[in-house]
Amino acid sequence: MLIHCLTLKFKESASDIEIEEMRAALAALPSHFDFPIRTRYGRDLGERATNADYAVVTEFENPDDFDTYLKHPAHLAVPRDHVDTMHSVQFLFDS
């Protein structure tokens, strides 16, 4: 299994509506693929000042599915204009 973790910092100008549009696009992503993906996402709870604002964790059965996901129009269409910075990491996990 390949795990893709993404953290986001929003621009100060990011509105709740823009963040909700991103959440809705993330929620719709699994329906666009003919292979299983599991995506979880949400706003930071604000426990630490240095935390990112939002996180996305997506599980793929293999690296090829992840590569397909990265290039897919539905993934590329997720709104990002309100994002200031993004950091990601991918790792393999034997379940």
PDB file of N, CA and C in Angstrom:
ATOM      1  N   MET A   1       0.851  -1.165   0.000  1.00  0.00           N
ATOM      2  CA  MET A   1       0.000   0.000   0.000  1.00  0.00           C
ATOM      3  C   MET A   1       0.904   1.237   0.000  1.00  0.00           C
ATOM      4  N   LEU A   2       0.514   2.251  -0.785  1.00  0.00           N
ATOM      5  CA  LEU A   2       1.214   3.523  -0.793  1.00  0.00           C
ATOM      6  C   LEU A   2       0.355   4.550  -0.055  1.00  0.00           C
ATOM      7  N   ILE A   3       0.961   5.246   0.883  1.00  0.00           N
ATOM      8  CA  ILE A   3       0.276   6.299   1.642  1.00  0.00           C
ATOM      9  C   ILE A   3       0.810   7.645   1.158  1.00  0.00           C
ATOM     10  N   HIS A   4      -0.100   8.538   0.815  1.00  0.00           N
ATOM     11  CA  HIS A   4       0.234   9.900   0.372  1.00  0.00           C
ATOM     12  C   HIS A   4      -0.314  10.868   1.420  1.00  0.00           C
ATOM     13  N   CYS A   5       0.581  11.616   2.062  1.00  0.00           N
ATOM     14  CA  CYS A   5       0.193  12.593   3.082  1.00  0.00           C
ATOM     15  C   CYS A   5       0.508  13.989   2.564  1.00  0.00           C
ATOM     16  N   LEU A   6      -0.451  14.865   2.657  1.00  0.00           N
ATOM     17  CA  LEU A   6      -0.303  16.231   2.167  1.00  0.00           C
ATOM     18  C   LEU A   6      -0.726  17.195   3.267  1.00  0.00           C
ATOM     19  N   THR A   7       0.085  18.213   3.510  1.00  0.00           N
ATOM     20  CA  THR A   7      -0.313  19.272   4.439  1.00  0.00           C
ATOM     21  C   THR A   7      -0.325  20.588   3.674  1.00  0.00           C
ATOM     22  N   LEU A   8      -1.271  21.447   4.046  1.00  0.00           N
ATOM     23  CA  LEU A   8      -1.492  22.711   3.355  1.00  0.00           C
ATOM     24  C   LEU A   8      -1.517  23.870   4.335  1.00  0.00           C
ATOM     25  N   LYS A   9      -0.974  24.976   3.916  1.00  0.00           N
ATOM     26  CA  LYS A   9      -1.151  26.259   4.610  1.00  0.00           C
ATOM     27  C   LYS A   9      -1.931  27.131   3.647  1.00  0.00           C
ATOM     28  N   PHE A  10      -3.018  27.723   4.128  1.00  0.00           N
ATOM     29  CA  PHE A  10      -3.835  28.583   3.283  1.00  0.00           C
ATOM     30  C   PHE A  10      -3.302  30.015   3.282  1.00  0.00           C
ATOM     31  N   LYS A  11      -3.577  30.719   2.200  1.00  0.00           N
ATOM     32  CA  LYS A  11      -3.298  32.150   2.157  1.00  0.00           C
ATOM     33  C   LYS A  11      -4.197  32.831   3.189  1.00  0.00           C
ATOM     34  N   GLU A  12      -3.757  33.943   3.707  1.00  0.00           N
ATOM     35  CA  GLU A  12      -4.587  34.670   4.683  1.00  0.00           C
ATOM     36  C   GLU A  12      -5.929  35.060   4.093  1.00  0.00           C
ATOM     37  N   SER A  13      -5.977  35.239   2.785  1.00  0.00           N
ATOM     38  CA  SER A  13      -7.208  35.653   2.110  1.00  0.00           C
ATOM     39  C   SER A  13      -8.162  34.490   1.835  1.00  0.00           C
ATOM     40  N   ALA A  14      -7.778  33.263   2.159  1.00  0.00           N
ATOM     41  CA  ALA A  14      -8.629  32.097   1.871  1.00  0.00           C
ATOM     42  C   ALA A  14      -9.948  32.203   2.624  1.00  0.00           C
ATOM     43  N   SER A  15     -11.028  32.025   1.893  1.00  0.00           N
ATOM     44  CA  SER A  15     -12.357  32.115   2.507  1.00  0.00           C
ATOM     45  C   SER A  15     -12.869  30.728   2.869  1.00  0.00           C
ATOM     46  N   ASP A  16     -13.850  30.689   3.752  1.00  0.00           N
ATOM     47  CA  ASP A  16     -14.484  29.422   4.113  1.00  0.00           C
ATOM     48  C   ASP A  16     -15.106  28.766   2.881  1.00  0.00           C
ATOM     49  N   ILE A  17     -15.623  29.570   1.971  1.00  0.00           N
ATOM     50  CA  ILE A  17     -16.234  29.038   0.746  1.00  0.00           C
ATOM     51  C   ILE A  17     -15.174  28.340  -0.111  1.00  0.00           C
ATOM     52  N   GLU A  18     -14.004  28.938  -0.269  1.00  0.00           N
ATOM     53  CA  GLU A  18     -12.922  28.323  -1.049  1.00  0.00           C
ATOM     54  C   GLU A  18     -12.459  27.015  -0.416  1.00  0.00           C
ATOM     55  N   ILE A  19     -12.364  27.010   0.896  1.00  0.00           N
ATOM     56  CA  ILE A  19     -11.939  25.800   1.589  1.00  0.00           C
ATOM     57  C   ILE A  19     -13.005  24.709   1.455  1.00  0.00           C
ATOM     58  N   GLU A  20     -14.257  25.082   1.499  1.00  0.00           N
ATOM     59  CA  GLU A  20     -15.348  24.120   1.313  1.00  0.00           C
ATOM     60  C   GLU A  20     -15.349  23.574  -0.114  1.00  0.00           C
ATOM     61  N   GLU A  21     -15.062  24.408  -1.107  1.00  0.00           N
ATOM     62  CA  GLU A  21     -14.980  23.933  -2.490  1.00  0.00           C
ATOM     63  C   GLU A  21     -13.868  22.892  -2.634  1.00  0.00           C
ATOM     64  N   MET A  22     -12.756  23.113  -1.968  1.00  0.00           N
ATOM     65  CA  MET A  22     -11.672  22.150  -1.995  1.00  0.00           C
ATOM     66  C   MET A  22     -12.112  20.849  -1.322  1.00  0.00           C
ATOM     67  N   ARG A  23     -12.771  20.951  -0.165  1.00  0.00           N
ATOM     68  CA  ARG A  23     -13.241  19.766   0.544  1.00  0.00           C
ATOM     69  C   ARG A  23     -14.205  18.960  -0.322  1.00  0.00           C
ATOM     70  N   ALA A  24     -15.120  19.636  -1.011  1.00  0.00           N
ATOM     71  CA  ALA A  24     -16.084  18.943  -1.867  1.00  0.00           C
ATOM     72  C   ALA A  24     -15.375  18.231  -3.021  1.00  0.00           C
ATOM     73  N   ALA A  25     -14.361  18.861  -3.597  1.00  0.00           N
ATOM     74  CA  ALA A  25     -13.605  18.229  -4.681  1.00  0.00           C
ATOM     75  C   ALA A  25     -12.848  17.010  -4.156  1.00  0.00           C
ATOM     76  N   LEU A  26     -12.284  17.106  -2.956  1.00  0.00           N
ATOM     77  CA  LEU A  26     -11.598  15.957  -2.361  1.00  0.00           C
ATOM     78  C   LEU A  26     -12.578  14.818  -2.093  1.00  0.00           C
ATOM     79  N   ALA A  27     -13.764  15.149  -1.620  1.00  0.00           N
ATOM     80  CA  ALA A  27     -14.773  14.130  -1.320  1.00  0.00           C
ATOM     81  C   ALA A  27     -15.203  13.388  -2.578  1.00  0.00           C
ATOM     82  N   ALA A  28     -15.208  14.067  -3.710  1.00  0.00           N
ATOM     83  CA  ALA A  28     -15.642  13.461  -4.970  1.00  0.00           C
ATOM     84  C   ALA A  28     -14.549  12.641  -5.651  1.00  0.00           C
ATOM     85  N   LEU A  29     -13.295  12.829  -5.268  1.00  0.00           N
ATOM     86  CA  LEU A  29     -12.193  12.171  -5.976  1.00  0.00           C
ATOM     87  C   LEU A  29     -12.343  10.656  -6.121  1.00  0.00           C
ATOM     88  N   PRO A  30     -12.656   9.900  -5.068  1.00  0.00           N
ATOM     89  CA  PRO A  30     -12.697   8.443  -5.233  1.00  0.00           C
ATOM     90  C   PRO A  30     -13.634   7.965  -6.348  1.00  0.00           C
ATOM     91  N   SER A  31     -14.699   8.695  -6.613  1.00  0.00           N
ATOM     92  CA  SER A  31     -15.660   8.264  -7.641  1.00  0.00           C
ATOM     93  C   SER A  31     -15.109   8.395  -9.056  1.00  0.00           C
ATOM     94  N   HIS A  32     -13.994   9.049  -9.235  1.00  0.00           N
ATOM     95  CA  HIS A  32     -13.420   9.270 -10.564  1.00  0.00           C
ATOM     96  C   HIS A  32     -12.424   8.190 -10.988  1.00  0.00           C
ATOM     97  N   PHE A  33     -12.163   7.238 -10.127  1.00  0.00           N
ATOM     98  CA  PHE A  33     -11.131   6.252 -10.419  1.00  0.00           C
ATOM     99  C   PHE A  33     -11.712   4.850 -10.491  1.00  0.00           C
ATOM    100  N   ASP A  34     -11.106   4.021 -11.346  1.00  0.00           N
ATOM    101  CA  ASP A  34     -11.557   2.635 -11.463  1.00  0.00           C
ATOM    102  C   ASP A  34     -10.734   1.706 -10.579  1.00  0.00           C
ATOM    103  N   PHE A  35     -10.012   2.286  -9.633  1.00  0.00           N
ATOM    104  CA  PHE A  35      -9.276   1.518  -8.638  1.00  0.00           C
ATOM    105  C   PHE A  35      -9.588   2.137  -7.277  1.00  0.00           C
ATOM    106  N   PRO A  36      -9.468   1.344  -6.217  1.00  0.00           N
ATOM    107  CA  PRO A  36      -9.846   1.866  -4.898  1.00  0.00           C
ATOM    108  C   PRO A  36      -8.814   2.848  -4.339  1.00  0.00           C
ATOM    109  N   ILE A  37      -9.316   3.936  -3.816  1.00  0.00           N
ATOM    110  CA  ILE A  37      -8.507   4.857  -3.014  1.00  0.00           C
ATOM    111  C   ILE A  37      -9.327   5.206  -1.783  1.00  0.00           C
ATOM    112  N   ARG A  38      -8.627   5.492  -0.721  1.00  0.00           N
ATOM    113  CA  ARG A  38      -9.295   5.938   0.516  1.00  0.00           C
ATOM    114  C   ARG A  38      -8.670   7.270   0.882  1.00  0.00           C
ATOM    115  N   THR A  39      -9.499   8.301   0.972  1.00  0.00           N
ATOM    116  CA  THR A  39      -9.009   9.642   1.271  1.00  0.00           C
ATOM    117  C   THR A  39      -9.672  10.158   2.540  1.00  0.00           C
ATOM    118  N   ARG A  40      -8.844  10.714   3.416  1.00  0.00           N
ATOM    119  CA  ARG A  40      -9.316  11.384   4.630  1.00  0.00           C
ATOM    120  C   ARG A  40      -8.689  12.771   4.648  1.00  0.00           C
ATOM    121  N   TYR A  41      -9.421  13.743   5.150  1.00  0.00           N
ATOM    122  CA  TYR A  41      -8.969  15.131   5.082  1.00  0.00           C
ATOM    123  C   TYR A  41      -9.683  15.941   6.151  1.00  0.00           C
ATOM    124  N   GLY A  42      -9.078  17.075   6.497  1.00  0.00           N
ATOM    125  CA  GLY A  42      -9.739  17.952   7.451  1.00  0.00           C
ATOM    126  C   GLY A  42      -8.854  19.091   7.903  1.00  0.00           C
ATOM    127  N   ARG A  43      -9.507  20.059   8.522  1.00  0.00           N
ATOM    128  CA  ARG A  43      -8.811  21.230   9.054  1.00  0.00           C
ATOM    129  C   ARG A  43      -8.063  20.870  10.328  1.00  0.00           C
ATOM    130  N   ASP A  44      -6.964  21.564  10.536  1.00  0.00           N
ATOM    131  CA  ASP A  44      -6.193  21.397  11.757  1.00  0.00           C
ATOM    132  C   ASP A  44      -7.018  21.860  12.954  1.00  0.00           C
ATOM    133  N   LEU A  45      -6.814  21.224  14.088  1.00  0.00           N
ATOM    134  CA  LEU A  45      -7.555  21.567  15.306  1.00  0.00           C
ATOM    135  C   LEU A  45      -6.996  22.782  16.035  1.00  0.00           C
ATOM    136  N   GLY A  46      -5.833  23.273  15.601  1.00  0.00           N
ATOM    137  CA  GLY A  46      -5.263  24.463  16.218  1.00  0.00           C
ATOM    138  C   GLY A  46      -4.537  24.215  17.523  1.00  0.00           C
ATOM    139  N   GLU A  47      -4.107  22.987  17.743  1.00  0.00           N
ATOM    140  CA  GLU A  47      -3.422  22.646  18.986  1.00  0.00           C
ATOM    141  C   GLU A  47      -2.010  23.213  19.067  1.00  0.00           C
ATOM    142  N   ARG A  48      -1.379  23.458  17.914  1.00  0.00           N
ATOM    143  CA  ARG A  48      -0.016  23.985  17.877  1.00  0.00           C
ATOM    144  C   ARG A  48       0.065  25.086  16.827  1.00  0.00           C
ATOM    145  N   ALA A  49       0.727  26.161  17.163  1.00  0.00           N
ATOM    146  CA  ALA A  49       0.822  27.306  16.259  1.00  0.00           C
ATOM    147  C   ALA A  49       1.601  26.984  14.984  1.00  0.00           C
ATOM    148  N   THR A  50       2.490  26.019  15.038  1.00  0.00           N
ATOM    149  CA  THR A  50       3.316  25.697  13.880  1.00  0.00           C
ATOM    150  C   THR A  50       2.670  24.688  12.931  1.00  0.00           C
ATOM    151  N   ASN A  51       1.500  24.176  13.254  1.00  0.00           N
ATOM    152  CA  ASN A  51       0.836  23.191  12.411  1.00  0.00           C
ATOM    153  C   ASN A  51       0.398  23.778  11.081  1.00  0.00           C
ATOM    154  N   ALA A  52       0.219  22.905  10.108  1.00  0.00           N
ATOM    155  CA  ALA A  52      -0.412  23.279   8.850  1.00  0.00           C
ATOM    156  C   ALA A  52      -1.893  23.549   9.122  1.00  0.00           C
ATOM    157  N   ASP A  53      -2.580  24.092   8.128  1.00  0.00           N
ATOM    158  CA  ASP A  53      -3.997  24.416   8.273  1.00  0.00           C
ATOM    159  C   ASP A  53      -4.918  23.249   7.923  1.00  0.00           C
ATOM    160  N   TYR A  54      -4.413  22.337   7.089  1.00  0.00           N
ATOM    161  CA  TYR A  54      -5.266  21.281   6.536  1.00  0.00           C
ATOM    162  C   TYR A  54      -4.392  20.083   6.198  1.00  0.00           C
ATOM    163  N   ALA A  55      -4.963  18.893   6.268  1.00  0.00           N
ATOM    164  CA  ALA A  55      -4.222  17.687   5.902  1.00  0.00           C
ATOM    165  C   ALA A  55      -5.096  16.780   5.037  1.00  0.00           C
ATOM    166  N   VAL A  56      -4.422  16.071   4.137  1.00  0.00           N
ATOM    167  CA  VAL A  56      -5.072  15.069   3.285  1.00  0.00           C
ATOM    168  C   VAL A  56      -4.212  13.815   3.330  1.00  0.00           C
ATOM    169  N   VAL A  57      -4.847  12.679   3.617  1.00  0.00           N
ATOM    170  CA  VAL A  57      -4.153  11.397   3.624  1.00  0.00           C
ATOM    171  C   VAL A  57      -4.917  10.473   2.684  1.00  0.00           C
ATOM    172  N   THR A  58      -4.206   9.945   1.688  1.00  0.00           N
ATOM    173  CA  THR A  58      -4.842   9.075   0.704  1.00  0.00           C
ATOM    174  C   THR A  58      -4.067   7.777   0.607  1.00  0.00           C
ATOM    175  N   GLU A  59      -4.798   6.667   0.575  1.00  0.00           N
ATOM    176  CA  GLU A  59      -4.199   5.339   0.488  1.00  0.00           C
ATOM    177  C   GLU A  59      -4.449   4.754  -0.902  1.00  0.00           C
ATOM    178  N   PHE A  60      -3.392   4.176  -1.471  1.00  0.00           N
ATOM    179  CA  PHE A  60      -3.453   3.539  -2.782  1.00  0.00           C
ATOM    180  C   PHE A  60      -2.942   2.108  -2.645  1.00  0.00           C
ATOM    181  N   GLU A  61      -3.460   1.208  -3.468  1.00  0.00           N
ATOM    182  CA  GLU A  61      -2.998  -0.174  -3.408  1.00  0.00           C
ATOM    183  C   GLU A  61      -1.562  -0.321  -3.886  1.00  0.00           C
ATOM    184  N   ASN A  62      -1.114   0.573  -4.793  1.00  0.00           N
ATOM    185  CA  ASN A  62       0.233   0.433  -5.339  1.00  0.00           C
ATOM    186  C   ASN A  62       0.713   1.767  -5.925  1.00  0.00           C
ATOM    187  N   PRO A  63       2.000   1.896  -6.191  1.00  0.00           N
ATOM    188  CA  PRO A  63       2.541   3.139  -6.737  1.00  0.00           C
ATOM    189  C   PRO A  63       1.991   3.502  -8.121  1.00  0.00           C
ATOM    190  N   ASP A  64       1.641   2.507  -8.933  1.00  0.00           N
ATOM    191  CA  ASP A  64       1.078   2.817 -10.253  1.00  0.00           C
ATOM    192  C   ASP A  64      -0.248   3.552 -10.135  1.00  0.00           C
ATOM    193  N   ASP A  65      -1.092   3.141  -9.187  1.00  0.00           N
ATOM    194  CA  ASP A  65      -2.358   3.851  -8.966  1.00  0.00           C
ATOM    195  C   ASP A  65      -2.101   5.290  -8.531  1.00  0.00           C
ATOM    196  N   PHE A  66      -1.106   5.490  -7.697  1.00  0.00           N
ATOM    197  CA  PHE A  66      -0.755   6.847  -7.264  1.00  0.00           C
ATOM    198  C   PHE A  66      -0.315   7.692  -8.461  1.00  0.00           C
ATOM    199  N   ASP A  67       0.500   7.143  -9.334  1.00  0.00           N
ATOM    200  CA  ASP A  67       0.945   7.878 -10.516  1.00  0.00           C
ATOM    201  C   ASP A  67      -0.239   8.264 -11.402  1.00  0.00           C
ATOM    202  N   THR A  68      -1.179   7.349 -11.581  1.00  0.00           N
ATOM    203  CA  THR A  68      -2.381   7.638 -12.362  1.00  0.00           C
ATOM    204  C   THR A  68      -3.189   8.748 -11.707  1.00  0.00           C
ATOM    205  N   TYR A  69      -3.337   8.689 -10.414  1.00  0.00           N
ATOM    206  CA  TYR A  69      -4.060   9.700  -9.633  1.00  0.00           C
ATOM    207  C   TYR A  69      -3.463  11.091  -9.830  1.00  0.00           C
ATOM    208  N   LEU A  70      -2.147  11.190  -9.763  1.00  0.00           N
ATOM    209  CA  LEU A  70      -1.489  12.497  -9.878  1.00  0.00           C
ATOM    210  C   LEU A  70      -1.771  13.183 -11.205  1.00  0.00           C
ATOM    211  N   LYS A  71      -1.929  12.407 -12.267  1.00  0.00           N
ATOM    212  CA  LYS A  71      -2.124  12.952 -13.610  1.00  0.00           C
ATOM    213  C   LYS A  71      -3.595  13.099 -13.991  1.00  0.00           C
ATOM    214  N   HIS A  72      -4.484  12.563 -13.187  1.00  0.00           N
ATOM    215  CA  HIS A  72      -5.903  12.521 -13.529  1.00  0.00           C
ATOM    216  C   HIS A  72      -6.522  13.929 -13.502  1.00  0.00           C
ATOM    217  N   PRO A  73      -7.379  14.247 -14.475  1.00  0.00           N
ATOM    218  CA  PRO A  73      -8.023  15.571 -14.514  1.00  0.00           C
ATOM    219  C   PRO A  73      -8.795  15.934 -13.241  1.00  0.00           C
ATOM    220  N   ALA A  74      -9.421  14.965 -12.590  1.00  0.00           N
ATOM    221  CA  ALA A  74     -10.167  15.259 -11.356  1.00  0.00           C
ATOM    222  C   ALA A  74      -9.225  15.702 -10.245  1.00  0.00           C
ATOM    223  N   HIS A  75      -8.072  15.082 -10.159  1.00  0.00           N
ATOM    224  CA  HIS A  75      -7.084  15.489  -9.154  1.00  0.00           C
ATOM    225  C   HIS A  75      -6.529  16.863  -9.490  1.00  0.00           C
ATOM    226  N   LEU A  76      -6.217  17.079 -10.748  1.00  0.00           N
ATOM    227  CA  LEU A  76      -5.664  18.375 -11.173  1.00  0.00           C
ATOM    228  C   LEU A  76      -6.670  19.510 -11.014  1.00  0.00           C
ATOM    229  N   ALA A  77      -7.961  19.180 -11.001  1.00  0.00           N
ATOM    230  CA  ALA A  77      -9.008  20.204 -10.887  1.00  0.00           C
ATOM    231  C   ALA A  77      -9.328  20.613  -9.453  1.00  0.00           C
ATOM    232  N   VAL A  78      -8.750  19.930  -8.467  1.00  0.00           N
ATOM    233  CA  VAL A  78      -9.005  20.320  -7.075  1.00  0.00           C
ATOM    234  C   VAL A  78      -8.516  21.758  -6.893  1.00  0.00           C
ATOM    235  N   PRO A  79      -9.382  22.654  -6.395  1.00  0.00           N
ATOM    236  CA  PRO A  79      -8.996  24.071  -6.261  1.00  0.00           C
ATOM    237  C   PRO A  79      -7.778  24.252  -5.354  1.00  0.00           C
ATOM    238  N   ARG A  80      -6.817  25.042  -5.846  1.00  0.00           N
ATOM    239  CA  ARG A  80      -5.589  25.290  -5.091  1.00  0.00           C
ATOM    240  C   ARG A  80      -5.218  26.773  -5.036  1.00  0.00           C
ATOM    241  N   ASP A  81      -6.012  27.632  -5.620  1.00  0.00           N
ATOM    242  CA  ASP A  81      -5.678  29.058  -5.679  1.00  0.00           C
ATOM    243  C   ASP A  81      -5.523  29.692  -4.303  1.00  0.00           C
ATOM    244  N   HIS A  82      -6.201  29.167  -3.318  1.00  0.00           N
ATOM    245  CA  HIS A  82      -6.190  29.718  -1.965  1.00  0.00           C
ATOM    246  C   HIS A  82      -5.102  29.088  -1.081  1.00  0.00           C
ATOM    247  N   VAL A  83      -4.308  28.184  -1.663  1.00  0.00           N
ATOM    248  CA  VAL A  83      -3.248  27.501  -0.914  1.00  0.00           C
ATOM    249  C   VAL A  83      -1.942  28.274  -1.060  1.00  0.00           C
ATOM    250  N   ASP A  84      -1.303  28.529   0.070  1.00  0.00           N
ATOM    251  CA  ASP A  84      -0.014  29.221   0.069  1.00  0.00           C
ATOM    252  C   ASP A  84       1.127  28.227  -0.105  1.00  0.00           C
ATOM    253  N   THR A  85       1.147  27.184   0.727  1.00  0.00           N
ATOM    254  CA  THR A  85       2.199  26.166   0.624  1.00  0.00           C
ATOM    255  C   THR A  85       1.610  24.776   0.793  1.00  0.00           C
ATOM    256  N   MET A  86       2.269  23.814   0.143  1.00  0.00           N
ATOM    257  CA  MET A  86       1.903  22.402   0.259  1.00  0.00           C
ATOM    258  C   MET A  86       3.183  21.607   0.478  1.00  0.00           C
ATOM    259  N   HIS A  87       3.081  20.610   1.340  1.00  0.00           N
ATOM    260  CA  HIS A  87       4.179  19.671   1.556  1.00  0.00           C
ATOM    261  C   HIS A  87       3.583  18.273   1.541  1.00  0.00           C
ATOM    262  N   SER A  88       4.316  17.352   0.929  1.00  0.00           N
ATOM    263  CA  SER A  88       3.800  15.988   0.895  1.00  0.00           C
ATOM    264  C   SER A  88       4.902  14.976   1.142  1.00  0.00           C
ATOM    265  N   VAL A  89       4.473  13.799   1.489  1.00  0.00           N
ATOM    266  CA  VAL A  89       5.363  12.660   1.657  1.00  0.00           C
ATOM    267  C   VAL A  89       4.578  11.430   1.244  1.00  0.00           C
ATOM    268  N   GLN A  90       5.274  10.484   0.617  1.00  0.00           N
ATOM    269  CA  GLN A  90       4.673   9.214   0.262  1.00  0.00           C
ATOM    270  C   GLN A  90       5.539   8.112   0.860  1.00  0.00           C
ATOM    271  N   PHE A  91       4.880   7.059   1.332  1.00  0.00           N
ATOM    272  CA  PHE A  91       5.638   5.934   1.844  1.00  0.00           C
ATOM    273  C   PHE A  91       4.856   4.649   1.611  1.00  0.00           C
ATOM    274  N   LEU A  92       5.574   3.539   1.554  1.00  0.00           N
ATOM    275  CA  LEU A  92       4.963   2.242   1.404  1.00  0.00           C
ATOM    276  C   LEU A  92       4.698   1.659   2.780  1.00  0.00           C
ATOM    277  N   PHE A  93       3.552   0.988   2.887  1.00  0.00           N
ATOM    278  CA  PHE A  93       3.134   0.411   4.157  1.00  0.00           C
ATOM    279  C   PHE A  93       2.599  -0.981   3.896  1.00  0.00           C
ATOM    280  N   ASP A  94       3.108  -1.961   4.589  1.00  0.00           N
ATOM    281  CA  ASP A  94       2.599  -3.325   4.479  1.00  0.00           C
ATOM    282  C   ASP A  94       1.533  -3.516   5.539  1.00  0.00           C
ATOM    283  N   SER A  95       0.316  -3.700   5.087  1.00  0.00           N
ATOM    284  CA  SER A  95      -0.779  -3.850   6.054  1.00  0.00           C
ATOM    285  C   SER A  95      -0.985  -5.286   6.447  1.00  0.00           C
TER     286      SER A  95
END
